[in-house]
Amino acid sequence: MNVMIFAAGRGTRLKPLTDILPKALVPVGDKPLLQHVLDKVAELPAFKNKEQEAVASEVGGSRVVVNVHHFGSQIINFLRLAQPHYPFSISISDEREQLLETGGAIKKARSIFAKGQPILIHNCDILSNADLTALYASAAETSESDRVGAALLVSERKTTRYLLFDKDMRLMGWTNIQTGEVKSPYSDIRERMNRNELSMYAFSGIHVISQSLFPLMDEEQDVFPIMDFYLKNCDTFCIRGVLQPGLRLLDVGKLDTLDAAADFLQDIVR
């Protein structure tokens, strides 16, 4: 199994904490954000079940990758101390020379991942009760005829920016309902929206990407956002939305959400 945790962000909305700490190491409750995500990953059957991990090793092993940029040495030191406590090895994708954004980060780390297996992507500042096992499995369940590219965990939370999906939950585009901006490779996207043919959901920051998309990534610059990449290619590859019933999610991106994060964690484990 492949997992990548995005931990390279500057965390500007969490200043002044991130003037001395990387966002990934900002504490929530009794441990940093990154540790909360690592603990959740450690609960996946691929790592808890020794027999499954043995099978994974035979087909190329499992990989957990963390990218670093802002105060990257602090994250590397933290992971060095944390490594013995996890049932998987943790590799570093070093972006300290240049922050590559989300798409560029995946592209840079591609040589680290176990070949042929999808990659579970998780932002370090997302806390949730997401069923990561089901999400990972859903990417593999899509038929080959659909040319599966990615499975995106989405929710019905209120925001100004939404992903647009058709009745089969295939990604069609993106819209900002505040500005009216729309992005899509489909020329008739606004007509479909006006006919109420599309559903709007918020992206969670958690997704699974197939390595079949790597050749398309080679056509991109070193720095690019993964969502722009998905929107550019969703008419060629199946980019599917996954709506988890009862999903609860908190984006710990601002100081006010940080204050509520500890209570949120207590609540979702009850």
C-alpha atoms as a PDB file:
ATOM      1  CA  MET A   1       0.000   0.000   0.000  1.00  0.00           C
ATOM      2  CA  ASN A   2       1.188   3.526  -0.821  1.00  0.00           C
ATOM      3  CA  VAL A   3       0.437   6.542   1.364  1.00  0.00           C
ATOM      4  CA  MET A   4       1.615  10.137   0.966  1.00  0.00           C
ATOM      5  CA  ILE A   5       1.074  12.771   3.658  1.00  0.00           C
ATOM      6  CA  PHE A   6       1.370  16.392   2.575  1.00  0.00           C
ATOM      7  CA  ALA A   7       3.380  18.172   5.275  1.00  0.00           C
ATOM      8  CA  ALA A   8       5.252  20.784   3.250  1.00  0.00           C
ATOM      9  CA  GLY A   9       2.866  23.742   3.539  1.00  0.00           C
ATOM     10  CA  ARG A  10       3.964  27.045   5.074  1.00  0.00           C
ATOM     11  CA  GLY A  11       0.848  27.270   7.256  1.00  0.00           C
ATOM     12  CA  THR A  12       0.540  31.037   6.862  1.00  0.00           C
ATOM     13  CA  ARG A  13      -3.011  31.012   8.276  1.00  0.00           C
ATOM     14  CA  LEU A  14      -1.669  29.522  11.509  1.00  0.00           C
ATOM     15  CA  LYS A  15       0.754  32.353  12.233  1.00  0.00           C
ATOM     16  CA  PRO A  16       2.342  33.165  14.664  1.00  0.00           C
ATOM     17  CA  LEU A  17       2.663  29.449  15.541  1.00  0.00           C
ATOM     18  CA  THR A  18       4.182  28.686  12.152  1.00  0.00           C
ATOM     19  CA  ASP A  19       6.823  31.380  12.596  1.00  0.00           C
ATOM     20  CA  ILE A  20       8.694  28.809  14.677  1.00  0.00           C
ATOM     21  CA  LEU A  21       7.023  25.489  13.752  1.00  0.00           C
ATOM     22  CA  PRO A  22       6.004  23.727  10.533  1.00  0.00           C
ATOM     23  CA  LYS A  23       2.238  23.378  10.237  1.00  0.00           C
ATOM     24  CA  ALA A  24       2.584  19.595  10.470  1.00  0.00           C
ATOM     25  CA  LEU A  25       3.989  19.884  13.995  1.00  0.00           C
ATOM     26  CA  VAL A  26       1.424  22.322  15.377  1.00  0.00           C
ATOM     27  CA  PRO A  27      -0.038  20.546  18.425  1.00  0.00           C
ATOM     28  CA  VAL A  28      -3.645  19.437  18.700  1.00  0.00           C
ATOM     29  CA  GLY A  29      -4.418  17.954  22.085  1.00  0.00           C
ATOM     30  CA  ASP A  30      -1.375  16.008  23.205  1.00  0.00           C
ATOM     31  CA  LYS A  31       0.327  15.489  19.835  1.00  0.00           C
ATOM     32  CA  PRO A  32       1.094  17.289  16.560  1.00  0.00           C
ATOM     33  CA  LEU A  33      -1.142  17.249  13.497  1.00  0.00           C
ATOM     34  CA  LEU A  34       1.203  14.957  11.585  1.00  0.00           C
ATOM     35  CA  GLN A  35       1.126  12.359  14.350  1.00  0.00           C
ATOM     36  CA  HIS A  36      -2.678  12.300  14.302  1.00  0.00           C
ATOM     37  CA  VAL A  37      -2.563  11.418  10.582  1.00  0.00           C
ATOM     38  CA  LEU A  38       0.205   8.833  11.032  1.00  0.00           C
ATOM     39  CA  ASP A  39      -1.799   7.198  13.818  1.00  0.00           C
ATOM     40  CA  LYS A  40      -4.828   6.991  11.524  1.00  0.00           C
ATOM     41  CA  VAL A  41      -2.730   5.465   8.744  1.00  0.00           C
ATOM     42  CA  ALA A  42      -1.317   2.919  11.211  1.00  0.00           C
ATOM     43  CA  GLU A  43      -4.873   1.653  11.797  1.00  0.00           C
ATOM     44  CA  LEU A  44      -5.283   0.601   8.162  1.00  0.00           C
ATOM     45  CA  PRO A  45      -5.623  -3.170   7.710  1.00  0.00           C
ATOM     46  CA  ALA A  46      -2.624  -3.209   5.366  1.00  0.00           C
ATOM     47  CA  PHE A  47      -0.438  -2.267   8.330  1.00  0.00           C
ATOM     48  CA  LYS A  48      -2.327  -3.876  11.211  1.00  0.00           C
ATOM     49  CA  ASN A  49      -2.626  -7.252   9.509  1.00  0.00           C
ATOM     50  CA  LYS A  50       0.796  -8.904   9.295  1.00  0.00           C
ATOM     51  CA  GLU A  51      -0.381 -11.394   6.658  1.00  0.00           C
ATOM     52  CA  GLN A  52      -1.604  -8.594   4.391  1.00  0.00           C
ATOM     53  CA  GLU A  53       1.646  -6.711   4.917  1.00  0.00           C
ATOM     54  CA  ALA A  54       3.593  -9.847   4.004  1.00  0.00           C
ATOM     55  CA  VAL A  55       1.634 -10.131   0.748  1.00  0.00           C
ATOM     56  CA  ALA A  56       2.270  -6.439   0.077  1.00  0.00           C
ATOM     57  CA  SER A  57       5.985  -7.001   0.573  1.00  0.00           C
ATOM     58  CA  GLU A  58       5.966  -9.739  -2.039  1.00  0.00           C
ATOM     59  CA  VAL A  59       4.508  -7.369  -4.644  1.00  0.00           C
ATOM     60  CA  GLY A  60       6.804  -4.464  -3.904  1.00  0.00           C
ATOM     61  CA  GLY A  61       6.099  -3.512  -0.307  1.00  0.00           C
ATOM     62  CA  SER A  62       4.244  -0.642   1.306  1.00  0.00           C
ATOM     63  CA  ARG A  63       5.394   2.947   1.325  1.00  0.00           C
ATOM     64  CA  VAL A  64       4.504   5.878   3.562  1.00  0.00           C
ATOM     65  CA  VAL A  65       5.954   9.126   2.222  1.00  0.00           C
ATOM     66  CA  VAL A  66       5.974  12.541   3.904  1.00  0.00           C
ATOM     67  CA  ASN A  67       7.009  15.626   1.946  1.00  0.00           C
ATOM     68  CA  VAL A  68       8.751  18.531   3.707  1.00  0.00           C
ATOM     69  CA  HIS A  69       9.575  22.161   2.972  1.00  0.00           C
ATOM     70  CA  HIS A  70       8.862  24.810   5.654  1.00  0.00           C
ATOM     71  CA  PHE A  71      11.032  23.980   8.703  1.00  0.00           C
ATOM     72  CA  GLY A  72      11.627  20.647   7.003  1.00  0.00           C
ATOM     73  CA  SER A  73      14.465  19.625   9.318  1.00  0.00           C
ATOM     74  CA  GLN A  74      12.081  19.764  12.287  1.00  0.00           C
ATOM     75  CA  ILE A  75       9.716  17.317  10.570  1.00  0.00           C
ATOM     76  CA  ILE A  76      12.584  15.024   9.587  1.00  0.00           C
ATOM     77  CA  ASN A  77      13.850  14.954  13.179  1.00  0.00           C
ATOM     78  CA  PHE A  78      10.337  14.282  14.476  1.00  0.00           C
ATOM     79  CA  LEU A  79       9.863  11.383  12.063  1.00  0.00           C
ATOM     80  CA  ARG A  80      13.237   9.904  12.953  1.00  0.00           C
ATOM     81  CA  LEU A  81      12.124   9.670  16.583  1.00  0.00           C
ATOM     82  CA  ALA A  82       8.594   8.528  15.701  1.00  0.00           C
ATOM     83  CA  GLN A  83       9.603   5.832  13.208  1.00  0.00           C
ATOM     84  CA  PRO A  84      10.079   2.960  15.730  1.00  0.00           C
ATOM     85  CA  HIS A  85       6.492   3.397  16.936  1.00  0.00           C
ATOM     86  CA  TYR A  86       4.897   2.653  13.535  1.00  0.00           C
ATOM     87  CA  PRO A  87       4.419  -0.619  11.639  1.00  0.00           C
ATOM     88  CA  PHE A  88       5.765   0.894   8.420  1.00  0.00           C
ATOM     89  CA  SER A  89       8.861   2.681   7.206  1.00  0.00           C
ATOM     90  CA  ILE A  90       8.555   6.412   6.535  1.00  0.00           C
ATOM     91  CA  SER A  91      10.336   7.991   3.567  1.00  0.00           C
ATOM     92  CA  ILE A  92      10.993  11.709   3.123  1.00  0.00           C
ATOM     93  CA  SER A  93      10.367  13.587  -0.102  1.00  0.00           C
ATOM     94  CA  ASP A  94      12.519  16.673   0.359  1.00  0.00           C
ATOM     95  CA  GLU A  95      11.146  19.902  -1.142  1.00  0.00           C
ATOM     96  CA  ARG A  96      13.217  22.300   0.944  1.00  0.00           C
ATOM     97  CA  GLU A  97      14.819  23.805  -2.170  1.00  0.00           C
ATOM     98  CA  GLN A  98      11.446  24.442  -3.839  1.00  0.00           C
ATOM     99  CA  LEU A  99       7.853  23.995  -2.725  1.00  0.00           C
ATOM    100  CA  LEU A 100       6.190  21.997  -5.504  1.00  0.00           C
ATOM    101  CA  GLU A 101       2.480  22.296  -4.641  1.00  0.00           C
ATOM    102  CA  THR A 102       0.348  19.180  -4.390  1.00  0.00           C
ATOM    103  CA  GLY A 103       0.673  17.829  -7.920  1.00  0.00           C
ATOM    104  CA  GLY A 104       4.374  18.517  -8.161  1.00  0.00           C
ATOM    105  CA  ALA A 105       4.859  16.823  -4.781  1.00  0.00           C
ATOM    106  CA  ILE A 106       3.317  13.581  -6.037  1.00  0.00           C
ATOM    107  CA  LYS A 107       5.320  13.753  -9.259  1.00  0.00           C
ATOM    108  CA  LYS A 108       8.603  14.241  -7.386  1.00  0.00           C
ATOM    109  CA  ALA A 109       7.908  11.325  -5.012  1.00  0.00           C
ATOM    110  CA  ARG A 110       6.868   8.864  -7.729  1.00  0.00           C
ATOM    111  CA  SER A 111      10.113   6.864  -7.602  1.00  0.00           C
ATOM    112  CA  ILE A 112       9.600   6.133  -3.883  1.00  0.00           C
ATOM    113  CA  PHE A 113       6.211   4.455  -4.198  1.00  0.00           C
ATOM    114  CA  ALA A 114       5.690   0.705  -4.545  1.00  0.00           C
ATOM    115  CA  LYS A 115       5.077   0.111  -8.237  1.00  0.00           C
ATOM    116  CA  GLY A 116       1.595  -0.541  -9.553  1.00  0.00           C
ATOM    117  CA  GLN A 117      -0.292   0.259  -6.359  1.00  0.00           C
ATOM    118  CA  PRO A 118      -2.588   3.289  -5.910  1.00  0.00           C
ATOM    119  CA  ILE A 119      -1.442   6.102  -3.627  1.00  0.00           C
ATOM    120  CA  LEU A 120      -3.563   7.347  -0.729  1.00  0.00           C
ATOM    121  CA  ILE A 121      -3.006  11.098  -0.336  1.00  0.00           C
ATOM    122  CA  HIS A 122      -3.816  12.834   2.953  1.00  0.00           C
ATOM    123  CA  ASN A 123      -3.275  16.473   3.938  1.00  0.00           C
ATOM    124  CA  CYS A 124      -1.586  16.724   7.343  1.00  0.00           C
ATOM    125  CA  ASP A 125      -4.063  19.361   8.545  1.00  0.00           C
ATOM    126  CA  ILE A 126      -7.214  17.293   7.976  1.00  0.00           C
ATOM    127  CA  LEU A 127      -8.828  15.552  10.947  1.00  0.00           C
ATOM    128  CA  SER A 128     -11.761  13.247  10.224  1.00  0.00           C
ATOM    129  CA  ASN A 129     -13.563   9.979  10.755  1.00  0.00           C
ATOM    130  CA  ALA A 130     -12.891   9.085   7.102  1.00  0.00           C
ATOM    131  CA  ASP A 131     -12.953   5.406   6.211  1.00  0.00           C
ATOM    132  CA  LEU A 132      -9.579   5.313   4.461  1.00  0.00           C
ATOM    133  CA  THR A 133      -9.778   1.585   3.830  1.00  0.00           C
ATOM    134  CA  ALA A 134     -13.057   1.917   1.928  1.00  0.00           C
ATOM    135  CA  LEU A 135     -11.756   4.899  -0.033  1.00  0.00           C
ATOM    136  CA  TYR A 136      -8.618   3.020  -1.057  1.00  0.00           C
ATOM    137  CA  ALA A 137     -10.690   0.005  -2.083  1.00  0.00           C
ATOM    138  CA  SER A 138     -13.109   2.155  -4.104  1.00  0.00           C
ATOM    139  CA  ALA A 139     -10.297   3.245  -6.403  1.00  0.00           C
ATOM    140  CA  ALA A 140      -9.536  -0.391  -7.240  1.00  0.00           C
ATOM    141  CA  GLU A 141     -13.217  -1.278  -7.746  1.00  0.00           C
ATOM    142  CA  THR A 142     -13.735   1.062 -10.698  1.00  0.00           C
ATOM    143  CA  SER A 143     -13.763  -0.904 -13.955  1.00  0.00           C
ATOM    144  CA  GLU A 144     -10.764  -0.816 -16.258  1.00  0.00           C
ATOM    145  CA  SER A 145     -12.990   0.494 -19.059  1.00  0.00           C
ATOM    146  CA  ASP A 146     -13.383   3.698 -17.053  1.00  0.00           C
ATOM    147  CA  ARG A 147      -9.587   4.256 -17.098  1.00  0.00           C
ATOM    148  CA  VAL A 148      -9.662   4.975 -13.389  1.00  0.00           C
ATOM    149  CA  GLY A 149      -7.470   7.876 -12.403  1.00  0.00           C
ATOM    150  CA  ALA A 150      -8.431   8.865  -8.873  1.00  0.00           C
ATOM    151  CA  ALA A 151     -11.033   8.599  -6.124  1.00  0.00           C
ATOM    152  CA  LEU A 152     -11.730  11.837  -4.241  1.00  0.00           C
ATOM    153  CA  LEU A 153     -13.346  11.835  -0.808  1.00  0.00           C
ATOM    154  CA  VAL A 154     -15.980  14.573  -0.813  1.00  0.00           C
ATOM    155  CA  SER A 155     -18.540  15.896   1.622  1.00  0.00           C
ATOM    156  CA  GLU A 156     -21.648  18.063   1.808  1.00  0.00           C
ATOM    157  CA  ARG A 157     -20.009  20.706   3.987  1.00  0.00           C
ATOM    158  CA  LYS A 158     -20.747  24.335   3.140  1.00  0.00           C
ATOM    159  CA  THR A 159     -18.026  26.255   1.300  1.00  0.00           C
ATOM    160  CA  THR A 160     -17.645  28.633  -1.630  1.00  0.00           C
ATOM    161  CA  ARG A 161     -15.685  26.216  -3.850  1.00  0.00           C
ATOM    162  CA  TYR A 162     -17.210  22.961  -5.026  1.00  0.00           C
ATOM    163  CA  LEU A 163     -16.369  20.049  -7.282  1.00  0.00           C
ATOM    164  CA  LEU A 164     -19.027  19.172  -9.853  1.00  0.00           C
ATOM    165  CA  PHE A 165     -20.049  15.554 -10.460  1.00  0.00           C
ATOM    166  CA  ASP A 166     -22.470  13.824 -12.802  1.00  0.00           C
ATOM    167  CA  LYS A 167     -25.021  11.213 -11.683  1.00  0.00           C
ATOM    168  CA  ASP A 168     -22.334   8.505 -11.699  1.00  0.00           C
ATOM    169  CA  MET A 169     -20.099  10.667  -9.474  1.00  0.00           C
ATOM    170  CA  ARG A 170     -17.590  11.303 -12.221  1.00  0.00           C
ATOM    171  CA  LEU A 171     -15.782  14.616 -11.896  1.00  0.00           C
ATOM    172  CA  MET A 172     -16.992  17.178 -14.421  1.00  0.00           C
ATOM    173  CA  GLY A 173     -15.552  20.421 -13.141  1.00  0.00           C
ATOM    174  CA  TRP A 174     -15.162  22.966 -10.347  1.00  0.00           C
ATOM    175  CA  THR A 175     -16.949  26.154  -9.408  1.00  0.00           C
ATOM    176  CA  ASN A 176     -16.616  29.072  -7.032  1.00  0.00           C
ATOM    177  CA  ILE A 177     -20.196  30.025  -6.202  1.00  0.00           C
ATOM    178  CA  GLN A 178     -19.085  33.375  -4.800  1.00  0.00           C
ATOM    179  CA  THR A 179     -17.320  34.578  -7.962  1.00  0.00           C
ATOM    180  CA  GLY A 180     -19.148  32.446 -10.535  1.00  0.00           C
ATOM    181  CA  GLU A 181     -15.865  31.031 -11.839  1.00  0.00           C
ATOM    182  CA  VAL A 182     -16.060  27.579 -13.448  1.00  0.00           C
ATOM    183  CA  LYS A 183     -13.250  25.239 -14.519  1.00  0.00           C
ATOM    184  CA  SER A 184     -13.918  22.206 -16.714  1.00  0.00           C
ATOM    185  CA  PRO A 185     -12.676  20.476 -19.871  1.00  0.00           C
ATOM    186  CA  TYR A 186     -16.327  20.141 -20.949  1.00  0.00           C
ATOM    187  CA  SER A 187     -17.528  23.010 -23.145  1.00  0.00           C
ATOM    188  CA  ASP A 188     -21.159  22.564 -22.065  1.00  0.00           C
ATOM    189  CA  ILE A 189     -20.469  22.567 -18.330  1.00  0.00           C
ATOM    190  CA  ARG A 190     -22.513  25.727 -17.625  1.00  0.00           C
ATOM    191  CA  GLU A 191     -25.491  24.348 -19.553  1.00  0.00           C
ATOM    192  CA  ARG A 192     -25.323  21.151 -17.471  1.00  0.00           C
ATOM    193  CA  MET A 193     -25.199  23.234 -14.319  1.00  0.00           C
ATOM    194  CA  ASN A 194     -28.195  25.286 -15.433  1.00  0.00           C
ATOM    195  CA  ARG A 195     -30.142  22.085 -16.119  1.00  0.00           C
ATOM    196  CA  ASN A 196     -29.286  20.862 -12.585  1.00  0.00           C
ATOM    197  CA  GLU A 197     -27.596  17.775 -14.001  1.00  0.00           C
ATOM    198  CA  LEU A 198     -24.595  18.071 -11.714  1.00  0.00           C
ATOM    199  CA  SER A 199     -24.097  17.703  -7.964  1.00  0.00           C
ATOM    200  CA  MET A 200     -21.780  19.938  -5.940  1.00  0.00           C
ATOM    201  CA  TYR A 201     -19.570  18.552  -3.189  1.00  0.00           C
ATOM    202  CA  ALA A 202     -16.631  19.897  -1.195  1.00  0.00           C
ATOM    203  CA  PHE A 203     -13.239  18.226  -1.525  1.00  0.00           C
ATOM    204  CA  SER A 204     -11.870  16.799   1.708  1.00  0.00           C
ATOM    205  CA  GLY A 205      -8.139  16.912   0.951  1.00  0.00           C
ATOM    206  CA  ILE A 206      -8.089  13.088   1.019  1.00  0.00           C
ATOM    207  CA  HIS A 207      -7.887  11.111  -2.221  1.00  0.00           C
ATOM    208  CA  VAL A 208      -6.412   8.075  -3.956  1.00  0.00           C
ATOM    209  CA  ILE A 209      -4.520   8.429  -7.230  1.00  0.00           C
ATOM    210  CA  SER A 210      -3.597   5.717  -9.709  1.00  0.00           C
ATOM    211  CA  GLN A 211      -0.051   5.480 -11.004  1.00  0.00           C
ATOM    212  CA  SER A 212      -1.574   5.275 -14.486  1.00  0.00           C
ATOM    213  CA  LEU A 213      -1.686   9.088 -14.339  1.00  0.00           C
ATOM    214  CA  PHE A 214       2.092   9.436 -13.990  1.00  0.00           C
ATOM    215  CA  PRO A 215       2.733   9.680 -17.767  1.00  0.00           C
ATOM    216  CA  LEU A 216       0.358  12.671 -17.904  1.00  0.00           C
ATOM    217  CA  MET A 217       2.213  14.247 -14.979  1.00  0.00           C
ATOM    218  CA  ASP A 218       5.388  14.125 -17.053  1.00  0.00           C
ATOM    219  CA  GLU A 219       3.762  16.706 -19.336  1.00  0.00           C
ATOM    220  CA  GLU A 220       3.326  19.151 -16.442  1.00  0.00           C
ATOM    221  CA  GLN A 221       5.813  21.644 -15.011  1.00  0.00           C
ATOM    222  CA  ASP A 222       7.576  20.746 -11.767  1.00  0.00           C
ATOM    223  CA  VAL A 223       5.149  22.916  -9.761  1.00  0.00           C
ATOM    224  CA  PHE A 224       1.398  22.382 -10.181  1.00  0.00           C
ATOM    225  CA  PRO A 225      -1.719  21.817  -8.033  1.00  0.00           C
ATOM    226  CA  ILE A 226      -3.192  18.313  -8.167  1.00  0.00           C
ATOM    227  CA  MET A 227      -6.765  19.595  -8.416  1.00  0.00           C
ATOM    228  CA  ASP A 228      -5.967  21.597 -11.560  1.00  0.00           C
ATOM    229  CA  PHE A 229      -4.431  18.411 -12.961  1.00  0.00           C
ATOM    230  CA  TYR A 230      -7.567  16.401 -12.167  1.00  0.00           C
ATOM    231  CA  LEU A 231      -9.795  19.033 -13.752  1.00  0.00           C
ATOM    232  CA  LYS A 232      -7.623  19.139 -16.860  1.00  0.00           C
ATOM    233  CA  ASN A 233      -7.792  15.361 -17.367  1.00  0.00           C
ATOM    234  CA  CYS A 234     -11.198  14.319 -16.005  1.00  0.00           C
ATOM    235  CA  ASP A 235     -12.608  13.989 -19.532  1.00  0.00           C
ATOM    236  CA  THR A 236      -9.934  11.389 -20.353  1.00  0.00           C
ATOM    237  CA  PHE A 237      -9.598   9.465 -17.094  1.00  0.00           C
ATOM    238  CA  CYS A 238     -12.314   8.582 -14.605  1.00  0.00           C
ATOM    239  CA  ILE A 239     -11.890  10.855 -11.581  1.00  0.00           C
ATOM    240  CA  ARG A 240     -14.582   9.645  -9.197  1.00  0.00           C
ATOM    241  CA  GLY A 241     -16.112  11.267  -6.130  1.00  0.00           C
ATOM    242  CA  VAL A 242     -16.696   9.162  -3.026  1.00  0.00           C
ATOM    243  CA  LEU A 243     -19.336  10.443  -0.608  1.00  0.00           C
ATOM    244  CA  GLN A 244     -19.024   8.772   2.798  1.00  0.00           C
ATOM    245  CA  PRO A 245     -22.233   8.758   4.846  1.00  0.00           C
ATOM    246  CA  GLY A 246     -21.689  10.379   8.228  1.00  0.00           C
ATOM    247  CA  LEU A 247     -18.332  11.849   7.273  1.00  0.00           C
ATOM    248  CA  ARG A 248     -17.103  14.401   9.798  1.00  0.00           C
ATOM    249  CA  LEU A 249     -14.116  16.494   8.881  1.00  0.00           C
ATOM    250  CA  LEU A 250     -12.197  19.480  10.210  1.00  0.00           C
ATOM    251  CA  ASP A 251      -9.660  21.448   8.187  1.00  0.00           C
ATOM    252  CA  VAL A 252      -7.227  22.762  10.799  1.00  0.00           C
ATOM    253  CA  GLY A 253      -6.045  25.669   8.702  1.00  0.00           C
ATOM    254  CA  LYS A 254      -6.757  28.652  10.931  1.00  0.00           C
ATOM    255  CA  LEU A 255      -6.228  29.509  14.578  1.00  0.00           C
ATOM    256  CA  ASP A 256      -9.960  29.440  15.309  1.00  0.00           C
ATOM    257  CA  THR A 257     -10.295  25.877  13.954  1.00  0.00           C
ATOM    258  CA  LEU A 258      -7.195  24.886  15.894  1.00  0.00           C
ATOM    259  CA  ASP A 259      -8.953  25.903  19.110  1.00  0.00           C
ATOM    260  CA  ALA A 260     -11.829  23.554  18.256  1.00  0.00           C
ATOM    261  CA  ALA A 261      -9.696  20.663  16.975  1.00  0.00           C
ATOM    262  CA  ALA A 262      -9.098  18.886  20.297  1.00  0.00           C
ATOM    263  CA  ASP A 263     -12.831  18.837  21.075  1.00  0.00           C
ATOM    264  CA  PHE A 264     -13.523  17.636  17.517  1.00  0.00           C
ATOM    265  CA  LEU A 265     -11.162  14.679  17.958  1.00  0.00           C
ATOM    266  CA  GLN A 266     -12.786  13.707  21.222  1.00  0.00           C
ATOM    267  CA  ASP A 267     -16.205  13.903  19.602  1.00  0.00           C
ATOM    268  CA  ILE A 268     -15.521  11.716  16.546  1.00  0.00           C
ATOM    269  CA  VAL A 269     -14.081   8.854  18.625  1.00  0.00           C
ATOM    270  CA  ARG A 270     -17.144   8.595  20.889  1.00  0.00           C
END
